[in-house]
C-alpha atoms as a PDB file:
ATOM      1  CA  MET A   1       0.000   0.000   0.000  1.00  0.00           C
ATOM      2  CA  ASN A   2       1.282   3.447  -0.948  1.00  0.00           C
ATOM      3  CA  ILE A   3       0.011   6.755   0.411  1.00  0.00           C
ATOM      4  CA  SER A   4       1.094  10.122  -1.003  1.00  0.00           C
ATOM      5  CA  SER A   5       0.309  13.716  -0.201  1.00  0.00           C
ATOM      6  CA  ILE A   6      -0.408  16.003  -3.123  1.00  0.00           C
ATOM      7  CA  VAL A   7      -0.415  19.798  -3.316  1.00  0.00           C
ATOM      8  CA  VAL A   8      -2.986  20.906  -5.867  1.00  0.00           C
ATOM      9  CA  GLN A   9      -2.750  24.469  -7.189  1.00  0.00           C
ATOM     10  CA  THR A  10      -5.589  26.447  -8.708  1.00  0.00           C
ATOM     11  CA  VAL A  11      -6.465  30.080  -9.323  1.00  0.00           C
ATOM     12  CA  PRO A  12      -8.241  31.576  -6.275  1.00  0.00           C
ATOM     13  CA  LYS A  13     -11.383  32.434  -8.264  1.00  0.00           C
ATOM     14  CA  PHE A  14     -11.872  28.699  -9.014  1.00  0.00           C
ATOM     15  CA  LEU A  15     -10.851  27.470  -5.553  1.00  0.00           C
ATOM     16  CA  GLU A  16     -14.293  26.459  -4.271  1.00  0.00           C
ATOM     17  CA  GLU A  17     -15.152  24.720  -7.546  1.00  0.00           C
ATOM     18  CA  VAL A  18     -11.912  22.691  -7.524  1.00  0.00           C
ATOM     19  CA  VAL A  19     -12.278  21.804  -3.828  1.00  0.00           C
ATOM     20  CA  GLU A  20     -15.810  20.507  -4.482  1.00  0.00           C
ATOM     21  CA  SER A  21     -14.596  18.496  -7.485  1.00  0.00           C
ATOM     22  CA  LEU A  22     -11.832  16.946  -5.385  1.00  0.00           C
ATOM     23  CA  LYS A  23     -14.254  16.094  -2.577  1.00  0.00           C
ATOM     24  CA  LYS A  24     -16.627  14.408  -5.044  1.00  0.00           C
ATOM     25  CA  CYS A  25     -14.031  12.430  -7.002  1.00  0.00           C
ATOM     26  CA  ASP A  26     -13.267   8.953  -5.704  1.00  0.00           C
ATOM     27  CA  VAL A  27      -9.493   9.004  -6.218  1.00  0.00           C
ATOM     28  CA  CYS A  28      -8.380  11.202  -3.311  1.00  0.00           C
ATOM     29  CA  ASP A  29      -9.103  12.478   0.176  1.00  0.00           C
ATOM     30  CA  TYR A  30      -9.388  16.241   0.660  1.00  0.00           C
ATOM     31  CA  HIS A  31      -7.721  17.715   3.776  1.00  0.00           C
ATOM     32  CA  PHE A  32      -7.116  21.468   3.585  1.00  0.00           C
ATOM     33  CA  HIS A  33      -6.907  24.547   1.379  1.00  0.00           C
ATOM     34  CA  ASP A  34      -5.834  28.175   1.706  1.00  0.00           C
ATOM     35  CA  LYS A  35      -6.987  31.425   0.101  1.00  0.00           C
ATOM     36  CA  LYS A  36      -4.110  31.383  -2.399  1.00  0.00           C
ATOM     37  CA  GLY A  37      -5.477  28.306  -4.164  1.00  0.00           C
ATOM     38  CA  ARG A  38      -3.288  25.612  -2.602  1.00  0.00           C
ATOM     39  CA  ILE A  39      -5.121  22.417  -1.713  1.00  0.00           C
ATOM     40  CA  ILE A  40      -3.778  19.423   0.223  1.00  0.00           C
ATOM     41  CA  ILE A  41      -5.055  15.947  -0.676  1.00  0.00           C
ATOM     42  CA  THR A  42      -3.845  12.377  -0.264  1.00  0.00           C
ATOM     43  CA  ILE A  43      -4.077   9.455  -2.636  1.00  0.00           C
ATOM     44  CA  GLU A  44      -3.646   5.757  -1.940  1.00  0.00           C
ATOM     45  CA  GLY A  45      -2.796   2.841  -4.179  1.00  0.00           C
ATOM     46  CA  ASP A  46      -1.512  -0.707  -4.205  1.00  0.00           C
ATOM     47  CA  GLY A  47       1.568   0.604  -5.992  1.00  0.00           C
ATOM     48  CA  VAL A  48       3.107   3.595  -7.714  1.00  0.00           C
ATOM     49  CA  GLU A  49       1.303   2.850 -10.982  1.00  0.00           C
ATOM     50  CA  GLU A  50      -2.113   3.098  -9.325  1.00  0.00           C
ATOM     51  CA  GLU A  51      -1.127   6.320  -7.555  1.00  0.00           C
ATOM     52  CA  LEU A  52       0.029   7.870 -10.821  1.00  0.00           C
ATOM     53  CA  LYS A  53      -3.302   7.009 -12.480  1.00  0.00           C
ATOM     54  CA  LYS A  54      -5.121   8.756  -9.646  1.00  0.00           C
ATOM     55  CA  LEU A  55      -2.787  11.742  -9.870  1.00  0.00           C
ATOM     56  CA  ARG A  56      -3.617  12.081 -13.579  1.00  0.00           C
ATOM     57  CA  VAL A  57      -7.338  12.150 -12.713  1.00  0.00           C
ATOM     58  CA  VAL A  58      -6.674  15.021 -10.292  1.00  0.00           C
ATOM     59  CA  GLU A  59      -4.541  16.866 -12.853  1.00  0.00           C
ATOM     60  CA  ASN A  60      -7.403  16.664 -15.359  1.00  0.00           C
ATOM     61  CA  ILE A  61      -9.991  18.281 -13.074  1.00  0.00           C
ATOM     62  CA  PRO A  62     -11.017  21.625 -14.644  1.00  0.00           C
ATOM     63  CA  HIS A  63      -9.035  24.633 -13.360  1.00  0.00           C
ATOM     64  CA  VAL A  64      -6.287  22.549 -11.701  1.00  0.00           C
ATOM     65  CA  VAL A  65      -3.060  24.341 -12.603  1.00  0.00           C
ATOM     66  CA  ALA A  66      -0.742  21.758 -11.015  1.00  0.00           C
ATOM     67  CA  ALA A  67      -0.858  18.680  -8.794  1.00  0.00           C
ATOM     68  CA  ASP A  68       2.507  17.734  -7.338  1.00  0.00           C
ATOM     69  CA  MET A  69       3.366  14.781  -5.147  1.00  0.00           C
ATOM     70  CA  GLN A  70       5.117  16.011  -2.005  1.00  0.00           C
ATOM     71  CA  MET A  71       5.501  13.086   0.378  1.00  0.00           C
ATOM     72  CA  ALA A  72       5.128   9.374  -0.262  1.00  0.00           C
ATOM     73  CA  TYR A  73       4.903   6.375   2.042  1.00  0.00           C
ATOM     74  CA  SER A  74       5.376   2.848   0.809  1.00  0.00           C
ATOM     75  CA  GLU A  75       4.561  -0.114   3.018  1.00  0.00           C
ATOM     76  CA  ASP A  76       7.212  -2.166   1.170  1.00  0.00           C
ATOM     77  CA  GLU A  77       9.919   0.381   2.019  1.00  0.00           C
ATOM     78  CA  LEU A  78       8.874   0.391   5.662  1.00  0.00           C
ATOM     79  CA  ASN A  79       8.988  -3.418   5.761  1.00  0.00           C
ATOM     80  CA  GLU A  80      12.538  -3.400   4.338  1.00  0.00           C
ATOM     81  CA  HIS A  81      13.686  -0.864   6.956  1.00  0.00           C
ATOM     82  CA  MET A  82      12.057  -2.929   9.713  1.00  0.00           C
ATOM     83  CA  LYS A  83      13.955  -6.048   8.540  1.00  0.00           C
ATOM     84  CA  VAL A  84      17.251  -4.154   8.785  1.00  0.00           C
ATOM     85  CA  LEU A  85      16.408  -2.920  12.287  1.00  0.00           C
ATOM     86  CA  GLU A  86      15.255  -6.354  13.437  1.00  0.00           C
ATOM     87  CA  ASN A  87      18.515  -7.946  12.255  1.00  0.00           C
ATOM     88  CA  ALA A  88      20.773  -5.238  13.681  1.00  0.00           C
ATOM     89  CA  ASP A  89      22.852  -5.748  16.809  1.00  0.00           C
ATOM     90  CA  ILE A  90      20.963  -4.082  19.628  1.00  0.00           C
ATOM     91  CA  VAL A  91      24.059  -3.912  21.794  1.00  0.00           C
ATOM     92  CA  PRO A  92      27.337  -2.887  20.120  1.00  0.00           C
ATOM     93  CA  ARG A  93      29.873  -5.748  20.028  1.00  0.00           C
ATOM     94  CA  VAL A  94      32.452  -3.787  22.008  1.00  0.00           C
ATOM     95  CA  LEU A  95      30.095  -3.820  25.008  1.00  0.00           C
ATOM     96  CA  ASN A  96      29.842  -7.622  24.922  1.00  0.00           C
ATOM     97  CA  ASP A  97      33.587  -8.225  24.495  1.00  0.00           C
ATOM     98  CA  ASP A  98      34.754  -9.822  27.764  1.00  0.00           C
ATOM     99  CA  SER A  99      38.401  -9.131  26.909  1.00  0.00           C
ATOM    100  CA  ILE A 100      37.846  -5.365  27.318  1.00  0.00           C
ATOM    101  CA  ALA A 101      37.415  -3.966  30.814  1.00  0.00           C
ATOM    102  CA  VAL A 102      34.354  -1.755  31.219  1.00  0.00           C
ATOM    103  CA  LYS A 103      36.534   1.048  32.640  1.00  0.00           C
ATOM    104  CA  ASP A 104      38.525   1.020  29.382  1.00  0.00           C
ATOM    105  CA  ILE A 105      35.571   1.682  27.076  1.00  0.00           C
ATOM    106  CA  VAL A 106      35.585   5.280  25.850  1.00  0.00           C
ATOM    107  CA  TYR A 107      32.357   6.603  24.377  1.00  0.00           C
ATOM    108  CA  ASN A 108      32.935   8.861  21.366  1.00  0.00           C
ATOM    109  CA  GLY A 109      29.384   9.237  20.094  1.00  0.00           C
ATOM    110  CA  ASP A 110      28.677   5.972  18.242  1.00  0.00           C
ATOM    111  CA  LEU A 111      29.852   2.608  19.504  1.00  0.00           C
ATOM    112  CA  LYS A 112      28.223   0.699  16.627  1.00  0.00           C
ATOM    113  CA  LYS A 113      30.671   2.220  14.146  1.00  0.00           C
ATOM    114  CA  LYS A 114      33.650   1.985  16.473  1.00  0.00           C
ATOM    115  CA  ASP A 115      36.124  -0.736  15.548  1.00  0.00           C
ATOM    116  CA  LEU A 116      38.228  -2.368  18.228  1.00  0.00           C
ATOM    117  CA  GLU A 117      41.622  -1.542  16.664  1.00  0.00           C
ATOM    118  CA  SER A 118      40.768   2.156  16.616  1.00  0.00           C
ATOM    119  CA  PHE A 119      39.462   1.836  20.163  1.00  0.00           C
ATOM    120  CA  ALA A 120      42.726   0.186  21.310  1.00  0.00           C
ATOM    121  CA  ARG A 121      44.876   2.872  19.646  1.00  0.00           C
ATOM    122  CA  THR A 122      42.831   5.666  21.205  1.00  0.00           C
ATOM    123  CA  PHE A 123      42.961   3.957  24.580  1.00  0.00           C
ATOM    124  CA  ASP A 124      46.756   3.441  24.390  1.00  0.00           C
ATOM    125  CA  GLU A 125      47.324   7.083  23.437  1.00  0.00           C
ATOM    126  CA  THR A 126      45.075   8.300  26.253  1.00  0.00           C
ATOM    127  CA  VAL A 127      46.825   6.175  28.895  1.00  0.00           C
ATOM    128  CA  ARG A 128      50.341   7.263  27.881  1.00  0.00           C
END
C-alpha cells in the first residue's frame, strides 16, 4: 500500500469549484486549502502505478493548474527498513567483548561504528 500527499494548485477564483470536485471524485481524500489556491489531498494505491493514475485524474480536473506529489509512504519500504532494524545488533559488540574492561571503554558518540583496533589505539594514546 502506498500513500502520497499532493499539493494541488488552482487560481483563487476557481478554488471552491476545484475543492468541491476533489471532494466528489473517488481518487483522493481532501484535507485542507488556503486562500491562495493551494489544496492538500492524499491518494492511496496498491503501488506507484495506481497512484500515478489517480494523480492524472486530479490533474485533469477543470481549473487545476498543477498537482505535485510532495511526500510518499510505501509499506514495502517500511517493511525493508524494519527487517534491517530487526537484524541489527541491539548492543554494540564492544560492550559484549569480555576481553575489554568496562573502565577502558571510551564513548565517542557511536559505539556501533567503532572498531576495536581504533578503540585500542585511542585507549593506548590516552593512557600514555
